[in-house]
N, C-alpha and C. Protein backbone atom coordinates (compact mmCIF):
# COMPACT_ATOMS: atom_id res chain seq x y z
N UNK A 1 -0.41 3.99 -12.78
CA UNK A 1 -1.45 4.98 -12.60
C UNK A 1 -0.96 6.27 -13.23
N UNK A 2 -1.49 6.65 -14.37
CA UNK A 2 -1.06 7.91 -14.96
C UNK A 2 -1.54 9.07 -14.11
N UNK A 3 -0.64 10.00 -13.86
CA UNK A 3 -0.96 11.16 -13.04
C UNK A 3 -1.14 12.35 -13.97
N UNK A 4 -2.32 12.96 -13.92
CA UNK A 4 -2.60 14.13 -14.75
C UNK A 4 -2.27 15.39 -13.96
N UNK A 5 -1.66 16.34 -14.62
CA UNK A 5 -1.32 17.62 -13.99
C UNK A 5 -2.49 18.58 -14.16
N UNK A 6 -2.65 19.43 -13.17
CA UNK A 6 -3.63 20.49 -13.35
C UNK A 6 -4.81 20.41 -12.42
N UNK A 7 -4.66 20.88 -11.20
CA UNK A 7 -5.80 21.14 -10.35
C UNK A 7 -6.30 19.98 -9.53
N UNK A 8 -7.62 20.00 -9.30
CA UNK A 8 -8.26 19.10 -8.37
C UNK A 8 -8.12 17.64 -8.78
N UNK A 9 -8.23 17.34 -10.05
CA UNK A 9 -8.11 15.96 -10.51
C UNK A 9 -6.76 15.39 -10.09
N UNK A 10 -5.71 16.19 -10.25
CA UNK A 10 -4.38 15.74 -9.85
C UNK A 10 -4.33 15.55 -8.35
N UNK A 11 -4.87 16.48 -7.59
CA UNK A 11 -4.88 16.36 -6.13
C UNK A 11 -5.61 15.09 -5.70
N UNK A 12 -6.73 14.80 -6.32
CA UNK A 12 -7.48 13.58 -6.01
C UNK A 12 -6.67 12.34 -6.36
N UNK A 13 -6.01 12.36 -7.50
CA UNK A 13 -5.19 11.22 -7.90
C UNK A 13 -4.03 11.00 -6.95
N UNK A 14 -3.39 12.08 -6.53
CA UNK A 14 -2.27 11.96 -5.61
C UNK A 14 -2.73 11.49 -4.24
N UNK A 15 -3.88 11.95 -3.80
CA UNK A 15 -4.43 11.50 -2.52
C UNK A 15 -4.77 10.01 -2.58
N UNK A 16 -5.34 9.59 -3.69
CA UNK A 16 -5.66 8.17 -3.87
C UNK A 16 -4.39 7.34 -3.93
N UNK A 17 -3.39 7.83 -4.65
CA UNK A 17 -2.12 7.12 -4.72
C UNK A 17 -1.49 7.00 -3.34
N UNK A 18 -1.49 8.07 -2.57
CA UNK A 18 -0.91 8.06 -1.22
C UNK A 18 -1.65 7.05 -0.34
N UNK A 19 -2.97 7.02 -0.42
CA UNK A 19 -3.75 6.09 0.40
C UNK A 19 -3.49 4.64 -0.01
N UNK A 20 -3.46 4.40 -1.31
CA UNK A 20 -3.21 3.04 -1.81
C UNK A 20 -1.80 2.59 -1.42
N UNK A 21 -0.84 3.47 -1.59
CA UNK A 21 0.54 3.14 -1.25
C UNK A 21 0.68 2.86 0.24
N UNK A 22 0.06 3.66 1.08
CA UNK A 22 0.15 3.47 2.53
C UNK A 22 -0.41 2.11 2.93
N UNK A 23 -1.57 1.76 2.39
CA UNK A 23 -2.18 0.47 2.71
C UNK A 23 -1.31 -0.67 2.21
N UNK A 24 -0.80 -0.56 1.00
CA UNK A 24 0.04 -1.60 0.41
C UNK A 24 1.33 -1.77 1.19
N UNK A 25 1.98 -0.67 1.50
CA UNK A 25 3.26 -0.72 2.21
C UNK A 25 3.08 -1.30 3.61
N UNK A 26 2.13 -0.78 4.37
CA UNK A 26 1.93 -1.27 5.73
C UNK A 26 1.55 -2.74 5.73
N UNK A 27 0.69 -3.15 4.82
CA UNK A 27 0.31 -4.57 4.72
C UNK A 27 1.50 -5.44 4.38
N UNK A 28 2.41 -4.93 3.58
CA UNK A 28 3.58 -5.70 3.15
C UNK A 28 4.65 -5.82 4.23
N UNK A 29 4.61 -4.94 5.22
CA UNK A 29 5.64 -4.96 6.26
C UNK A 29 5.59 -6.23 7.11
N UNK A 30 4.45 -6.85 7.19
CA UNK A 30 4.31 -8.05 8.00
C UNK A 30 4.52 -9.32 7.17
N UNK A 31 5.06 -9.18 5.98
CA UNK A 31 5.29 -10.33 5.11
C UNK A 31 6.78 -10.55 4.91
N UNK A 32 7.11 -11.60 4.18
CA UNK A 32 8.50 -11.89 3.86
C UNK A 32 9.11 -10.84 2.94
N UNK A 33 8.29 -10.03 2.30
CA UNK A 33 8.77 -9.00 1.37
C UNK A 33 9.14 -7.70 2.07
N UNK A 34 9.16 -7.66 3.38
CA UNK A 34 9.32 -6.40 4.09
C UNK A 34 10.65 -5.71 3.78
N UNK A 35 11.73 -6.46 3.59
CA UNK A 35 13.01 -5.82 3.28
C UNK A 35 12.98 -5.15 1.91
N UNK A 36 12.32 -5.80 0.96
CA UNK A 36 12.15 -5.20 -0.36
C UNK A 36 11.34 -3.90 -0.23
N UNK A 37 10.28 -3.96 0.55
CA UNK A 37 9.43 -2.79 0.77
C UNK A 37 10.25 -1.66 1.40
N UNK A 38 11.01 -1.99 2.42
CA UNK A 38 11.83 -0.99 3.11
C UNK A 38 12.78 -0.31 2.12
N UNK A 39 13.45 -1.09 1.28
CA UNK A 39 14.38 -0.53 0.31
C UNK A 39 13.70 0.34 -0.74
N UNK A 40 12.59 -0.15 -1.27
CA UNK A 40 11.86 0.60 -2.30
C UNK A 40 11.34 1.93 -1.77
N UNK A 41 10.72 1.88 -0.61
CA UNK A 41 10.11 3.09 -0.05
C UNK A 41 11.18 4.08 0.38
N UNK A 42 12.24 3.61 1.02
CA UNK A 42 13.29 4.50 1.50
C UNK A 42 13.95 5.27 0.36
N UNK A 43 14.04 4.65 -0.81
CA UNK A 43 14.67 5.32 -1.96
C UNK A 43 13.84 6.49 -2.49
N UNK A 44 12.58 6.56 -2.11
CA UNK A 44 11.77 7.70 -2.54
C UNK A 44 12.31 9.01 -1.97
N UNK A 45 12.87 8.95 -0.77
CA UNK A 45 13.47 10.11 -0.15
C UNK A 45 14.93 10.11 -0.58
N UNK A 46 15.35 11.16 -1.23
CA UNK A 46 16.64 11.16 -1.92
C UNK A 46 17.85 11.48 -1.04
N UNK A 47 17.65 12.14 0.06
CA UNK A 47 18.77 12.51 0.92
C UNK A 47 19.12 11.31 1.82
N UNK A 48 20.41 10.97 1.95
CA UNK A 48 20.81 9.80 2.75
C UNK A 48 20.28 9.81 4.18
N UNK A 49 20.24 10.98 4.81
CA UNK A 49 19.71 11.05 6.18
C UNK A 49 18.23 10.71 6.20
N UNK A 50 17.50 11.18 5.20
CA UNK A 50 16.07 10.89 5.12
C UNK A 50 15.86 9.41 4.84
N UNK A 51 16.67 8.85 3.96
CA UNK A 51 16.56 7.43 3.62
C UNK A 51 16.74 6.57 4.86
N UNK A 52 17.77 6.87 5.65
CA UNK A 52 18.03 6.10 6.87
C UNK A 52 16.88 6.25 7.87
N UNK A 53 16.35 7.46 7.99
CA UNK A 53 15.23 7.69 8.91
C UNK A 53 13.99 6.92 8.48
N UNK A 54 13.70 6.92 7.19
CA UNK A 54 12.53 6.20 6.68
C UNK A 54 12.70 4.69 6.90
N UNK A 55 13.91 4.18 6.65
CA UNK A 55 14.16 2.75 6.90
C UNK A 55 13.90 2.41 8.37
N UNK A 56 14.36 3.28 9.26
CA UNK A 56 14.13 3.07 10.69
C UNK A 56 12.66 3.10 11.05
N UNK A 57 11.92 4.03 10.46
CA UNK A 57 10.47 4.12 10.72
C UNK A 57 9.75 2.87 10.22
N UNK A 58 10.16 2.37 9.06
CA UNK A 58 9.53 1.16 8.53
C UNK A 58 9.85 -0.05 9.40
N UNK A 59 11.07 -0.13 9.91
CA UNK A 59 11.43 -1.23 10.81
C UNK A 59 10.62 -1.15 12.10
N UNK A 60 10.45 0.06 12.64
CA UNK A 60 9.64 0.24 13.85
C UNK A 60 8.19 -0.14 13.58
N UNK A 61 7.68 0.21 12.42
CA UNK A 61 6.31 -0.15 12.05
C UNK A 61 6.15 -1.66 11.96
N UNK A 62 7.14 -2.31 11.37
CA UNK A 62 7.10 -3.78 11.27
C UNK A 62 7.09 -4.41 12.66
N UNK A 63 7.95 -3.91 13.54
CA UNK A 63 8.00 -4.44 14.91
C UNK A 63 6.65 -4.30 15.59
N UNK A 64 6.01 -3.15 15.41
CA UNK A 64 4.69 -2.92 15.99
C UNK A 64 3.67 -3.90 15.42
N UNK A 65 3.71 -4.10 14.11
CA UNK A 65 2.75 -5.01 13.47
C UNK A 65 2.95 -6.46 13.90
N UNK A 66 4.18 -6.85 14.16
CA UNK A 66 4.47 -8.23 14.53
C UNK A 66 4.34 -8.48 16.03
N UNK A 67 4.17 -7.41 16.80
CA UNK A 67 4.02 -7.54 18.25
C UNK A 67 2.61 -8.00 18.60
N UNK A 68 2.31 -7.93 19.90
CA UNK A 68 0.95 -8.30 20.32
C UNK A 68 -0.09 -7.49 19.54
N UNK A 69 -1.08 -8.19 19.07
CA UNK A 69 -2.06 -7.58 18.16
C UNK A 69 -2.90 -6.51 18.86
N UNK A 70 -2.89 -5.34 18.28
CA UNK A 70 -3.77 -4.25 18.67
C UNK A 70 -4.49 -3.84 17.40
N UNK A 71 -5.77 -3.96 17.41
CA UNK A 71 -6.57 -3.78 16.20
C UNK A 71 -6.31 -2.45 15.49
N UNK A 72 -6.07 -1.41 16.24
CA UNK A 72 -5.92 -0.09 15.64
C UNK A 72 -4.51 0.20 15.13
N UNK A 73 -3.52 -0.61 15.51
CA UNK A 73 -2.14 -0.33 15.11
C UNK A 73 -1.98 -0.23 13.60
N UNK A 74 -2.51 -1.17 12.87
CA UNK A 74 -2.37 -1.15 11.41
C UNK A 74 -3.05 0.08 10.82
N UNK A 75 -4.24 0.39 11.30
CA UNK A 75 -4.95 1.58 10.80
C UNK A 75 -4.17 2.86 11.11
N UNK A 76 -3.59 2.93 12.30
CA UNK A 76 -2.80 4.10 12.67
C UNK A 76 -1.57 4.23 11.77
N UNK A 77 -0.90 3.11 11.52
CA UNK A 77 0.28 3.13 10.66
C UNK A 77 -0.08 3.53 9.23
N UNK A 78 -1.20 3.04 8.74
CA UNK A 78 -1.65 3.41 7.40
C UNK A 78 -1.89 4.92 7.33
N UNK A 79 -2.52 5.47 8.37
CA UNK A 79 -2.77 6.92 8.39
C UNK A 79 -1.45 7.71 8.40
N UNK A 80 -0.48 7.25 9.18
CA UNK A 80 0.81 7.92 9.25
C UNK A 80 1.50 7.90 7.88
N UNK A 81 1.52 6.73 7.26
CA UNK A 81 2.21 6.62 5.96
C UNK A 81 1.44 7.32 4.85
N UNK A 82 0.12 7.37 4.94
CA UNK A 82 -0.65 8.13 3.95
C UNK A 82 -0.24 9.60 4.01
N UNK A 83 -0.11 10.13 5.21
CA UNK A 83 0.31 11.52 5.38
C UNK A 83 1.74 11.71 4.87
N UNK A 84 2.64 10.81 5.21
CA UNK A 84 4.03 10.91 4.75
C UNK A 84 4.10 10.92 3.22
N UNK A 85 3.34 10.02 2.59
CA UNK A 85 3.35 9.95 1.13
C UNK A 85 2.73 11.21 0.52
N UNK A 86 1.65 11.72 1.12
CA UNK A 86 1.04 12.95 0.59
C UNK A 86 2.01 14.13 0.68
N UNK A 87 2.75 14.21 1.79
CA UNK A 87 3.73 15.29 1.94
C UNK A 87 4.84 15.14 0.89
N UNK A 88 5.29 13.93 0.68
CA UNK A 88 6.33 13.69 -0.33
C UNK A 88 5.82 14.05 -1.72
N UNK A 89 4.62 13.61 -2.06
CA UNK A 89 4.06 13.88 -3.39
C UNK A 89 3.84 15.37 -3.62
N UNK A 90 3.58 16.11 -2.56
CA UNK A 90 3.36 17.56 -2.69
C UNK A 90 4.66 18.30 -2.99
N UNK A 91 5.79 17.70 -2.63
CA UNK A 91 7.06 18.40 -2.80
C UNK A 91 7.95 17.81 -3.89
N UNK A 92 7.60 16.66 -4.43
CA UNK A 92 8.47 15.98 -5.39
C UNK A 92 7.63 15.37 -6.51
N UNK A 93 7.63 16.02 -7.67
CA UNK A 93 6.82 15.55 -8.81
C UNK A 93 7.18 14.14 -9.25
N UNK A 94 8.46 13.83 -9.27
CA UNK A 94 8.91 12.52 -9.74
C UNK A 94 8.49 11.41 -8.79
N UNK A 95 8.21 11.73 -7.55
CA UNK A 95 7.84 10.72 -6.57
C UNK A 95 6.52 10.03 -6.92
N UNK A 96 5.62 10.71 -7.59
CA UNK A 96 4.32 10.11 -7.93
C UNK A 96 4.50 8.89 -8.82
N UNK A 97 5.32 9.02 -9.85
CA UNK A 97 5.53 7.89 -10.76
C UNK A 97 6.30 6.78 -10.07
N UNK A 98 7.27 7.15 -9.23
CA UNK A 98 8.04 6.15 -8.50
C UNK A 98 7.15 5.41 -7.51
N UNK A 99 6.28 6.13 -6.81
CA UNK A 99 5.39 5.51 -5.83
C UNK A 99 4.36 4.61 -6.53
N UNK A 100 3.83 5.06 -7.65
CA UNK A 100 2.91 4.20 -8.42
C UNK A 100 3.62 2.92 -8.86
N UNK A 101 4.88 3.04 -9.24
CA UNK A 101 5.66 1.86 -9.63
C UNK A 101 5.86 0.90 -8.47
N UNK A 102 6.10 1.44 -7.28
CA UNK A 102 6.26 0.59 -6.10
C UNK A 102 4.97 -0.16 -5.79
N UNK A 103 3.85 0.54 -5.83
CA UNK A 103 2.56 -0.11 -5.59
C UNK A 103 2.33 -1.22 -6.61
N UNK A 104 2.63 -0.93 -7.87
CA UNK A 104 2.46 -1.93 -8.92
C UNK A 104 3.35 -3.15 -8.67
N UNK A 105 4.58 -2.90 -8.28
CA UNK A 105 5.51 -4.00 -8.02
C UNK A 105 5.07 -4.84 -6.83
N UNK A 106 4.63 -4.20 -5.77
CA UNK A 106 4.22 -4.93 -4.58
C UNK A 106 2.91 -5.69 -4.77
N UNK A 107 2.06 -5.20 -5.65
CA UNK A 107 0.78 -5.87 -5.88
C UNK A 107 0.79 -6.77 -7.10
N UNK A 108 1.92 -6.86 -7.79
CA UNK A 108 1.99 -7.64 -9.03
C UNK A 108 1.62 -9.10 -8.81
N UNK A 109 2.03 -9.67 -7.70
CA UNK A 109 1.72 -11.08 -7.43
C UNK A 109 0.27 -11.33 -7.13
N UNK A 110 -0.47 -10.31 -6.70
CA UNK A 110 -1.87 -10.50 -6.36
C UNK A 110 -2.82 -10.06 -7.48
N UNK A 111 -2.26 -9.51 -8.54
CA UNK A 111 -3.09 -9.02 -9.64
C UNK A 111 -3.34 -10.13 -10.64
N UNK A 112 -4.57 -10.28 -11.13
CA UNK A 112 -4.85 -11.29 -12.14
C UNK A 112 -4.02 -11.05 -13.40
N UNK A 113 -3.64 -12.11 -14.05
CA UNK A 113 -2.88 -12.00 -15.29
C UNK A 113 -3.82 -11.60 -16.42
N UNK A 114 -3.26 -11.01 -17.45
CA UNK A 114 -4.09 -10.60 -18.58
C UNK A 114 -3.91 -9.13 -18.84
N UNK A 115 -4.65 -8.58 -19.73
CA UNK A 115 -4.42 -7.28 -20.30
C UNK A 115 -4.48 -6.09 -19.38
N UNK A 116 -3.90 -6.16 -18.21
CA UNK A 116 -3.89 -4.98 -17.36
C UNK A 116 -2.65 -4.15 -17.60
N UNK A 117 -2.82 -2.88 -17.59
CA UNK A 117 -1.71 -1.94 -17.80
C UNK A 117 -0.79 -1.96 -16.59
N UNK A 118 0.51 -1.99 -16.82
CA UNK A 118 1.47 -1.96 -15.73
C UNK A 118 1.31 -0.67 -14.94
N UNK A 119 1.33 -0.79 -13.63
CA UNK A 119 1.22 0.39 -12.78
C UNK A 119 -0.21 0.80 -12.48
N UNK A 120 -1.20 0.10 -13.00
CA UNK A 120 -2.58 0.42 -12.73
C UNK A 120 -2.95 -0.04 -11.33
N UNK A 121 -3.54 0.82 -10.55
CA UNK A 121 -3.94 0.49 -9.20
C UNK A 121 -5.44 0.28 -9.21
N UNK A 122 -5.87 -0.86 -8.69
CA UNK A 122 -7.29 -1.18 -8.63
C UNK A 122 -7.74 -1.21 -7.18
N UNK A 123 -8.93 -0.76 -6.93
CA UNK A 123 -9.47 -0.75 -5.58
C UNK A 123 -10.66 -1.70 -5.55
N UNK A 124 -10.72 -2.51 -4.52
CA UNK A 124 -11.83 -3.43 -4.35
C UNK A 124 -12.43 -3.18 -3.00
N UNK A 125 -13.72 -3.02 -2.96
CA UNK A 125 -14.41 -2.86 -1.69
C UNK A 125 -15.41 -3.99 -1.58
N UNK A 126 -15.35 -4.71 -0.48
CA UNK A 126 -16.25 -5.85 -0.29
C UNK A 126 -17.04 -5.66 1.00
N UNK A 127 -18.27 -6.08 0.95
CA UNK A 127 -19.13 -6.08 2.13
C UNK A 127 -19.92 -7.36 2.12
N UNK A 128 -20.13 -7.90 3.29
CA UNK A 128 -20.91 -9.13 3.40
C UNK A 128 -21.60 -9.17 4.75
N UNK A 129 -22.70 -9.85 4.77
CA UNK A 129 -23.42 -10.07 6.01
C UNK A 129 -23.78 -11.54 6.07
N UNK A 130 -23.45 -12.17 7.18
CA UNK A 130 -23.80 -13.57 7.37
C UNK A 130 -24.70 -13.67 8.59
N UNK A 131 -25.68 -14.50 8.51
CA UNK A 131 -26.55 -14.70 9.66
C UNK A 131 -26.82 -16.19 9.83
N UNK A 132 -27.25 -16.51 11.02
CA UNK A 132 -27.50 -17.91 11.39
C UNK A 132 -26.25 -18.74 11.13
N UNK A 133 -26.34 -19.76 10.31
CA UNK A 133 -25.17 -20.62 10.08
C UNK A 133 -24.53 -20.35 8.72
N UNK A 134 -24.84 -19.21 8.13
CA UNK A 134 -24.28 -18.87 6.82
C UNK A 134 -22.78 -18.59 6.93
N UNK A 135 -22.07 -18.83 5.85
CA UNK A 135 -20.65 -18.52 5.78
C UNK A 135 -20.41 -17.61 4.59
N UNK A 136 -19.49 -16.67 4.75
CA UNK A 136 -19.16 -15.74 3.69
C UNK A 136 -17.69 -15.93 3.33
N UNK A 137 -17.41 -16.03 2.04
CA UNK A 137 -16.05 -16.12 1.55
C UNK A 137 -15.85 -14.97 0.57
N UNK A 138 -14.82 -14.17 0.79
CA UNK A 138 -14.54 -13.06 -0.10
C UNK A 138 -13.07 -13.09 -0.48
N UNK A 139 -12.80 -12.67 -1.69
CA UNK A 139 -11.42 -12.64 -2.15
C UNK A 139 -11.26 -11.57 -3.21
N UNK A 140 -10.12 -10.90 -3.17
CA UNK A 140 -9.79 -9.92 -4.20
C UNK A 140 -9.05 -10.58 -5.35
N UNK A 141 -8.84 -11.87 -5.26
CA UNK A 141 -8.11 -12.62 -6.29
C UNK A 141 -8.59 -14.06 -6.29
N UNK A 142 -7.67 -14.97 -6.57
CA UNK A 142 -8.02 -16.38 -6.61
C UNK A 142 -8.36 -16.87 -5.20
N UNK A 143 -9.29 -17.82 -5.14
CA UNK A 143 -9.65 -18.42 -3.85
C UNK A 143 -9.94 -19.89 -4.09
N UNK A 144 -9.40 -20.71 -3.23
CA UNK A 144 -9.69 -22.14 -3.27
C UNK A 144 -10.22 -22.53 -1.89
N UNK A 145 -11.36 -23.18 -1.88
CA UNK A 145 -11.95 -23.60 -0.62
C UNK A 145 -12.06 -25.13 -0.68
N UNK A 146 -11.31 -25.78 0.16
CA UNK A 146 -11.37 -27.24 0.24
C UNK A 146 -12.25 -27.62 1.42
N UNK A 147 -13.33 -28.26 1.12
CA UNK A 147 -14.25 -28.71 2.16
C UNK A 147 -14.59 -30.16 1.91
N UNK A 148 -14.62 -30.95 2.96
CA UNK A 148 -14.98 -32.37 2.77
C UNK A 148 -16.42 -32.54 2.39
């Protein structure tokens, strides 16, 4: 995601990057890639004390996500990390490119192959309504439905 300098457009891009990164990171914490996520994100904060604190926060977030399901926990964690990333981006210019790279790396496996630019973040919004005996299938990528 190329970040343009200069005013509101940059602020909007950084806010979008922070939101995308928060969603991607929190979603990844409940997967087998969580240690990779913890390492990548913690390195964004350059001071060793900050790095250790961020690693601890990510581990606590993972524990919460893997515990008894509370519907709002994931949304709350995404909001917390969105704010953390926005604060980081406001104080560290280099963090924007590093954070965009992390998002690209974490989403690389779910992105369709073909002429997409490395580091490009795509947003997909889906809505569906099913009634009676209808079924809805939605996917942001490949989907296989095996039905007899």
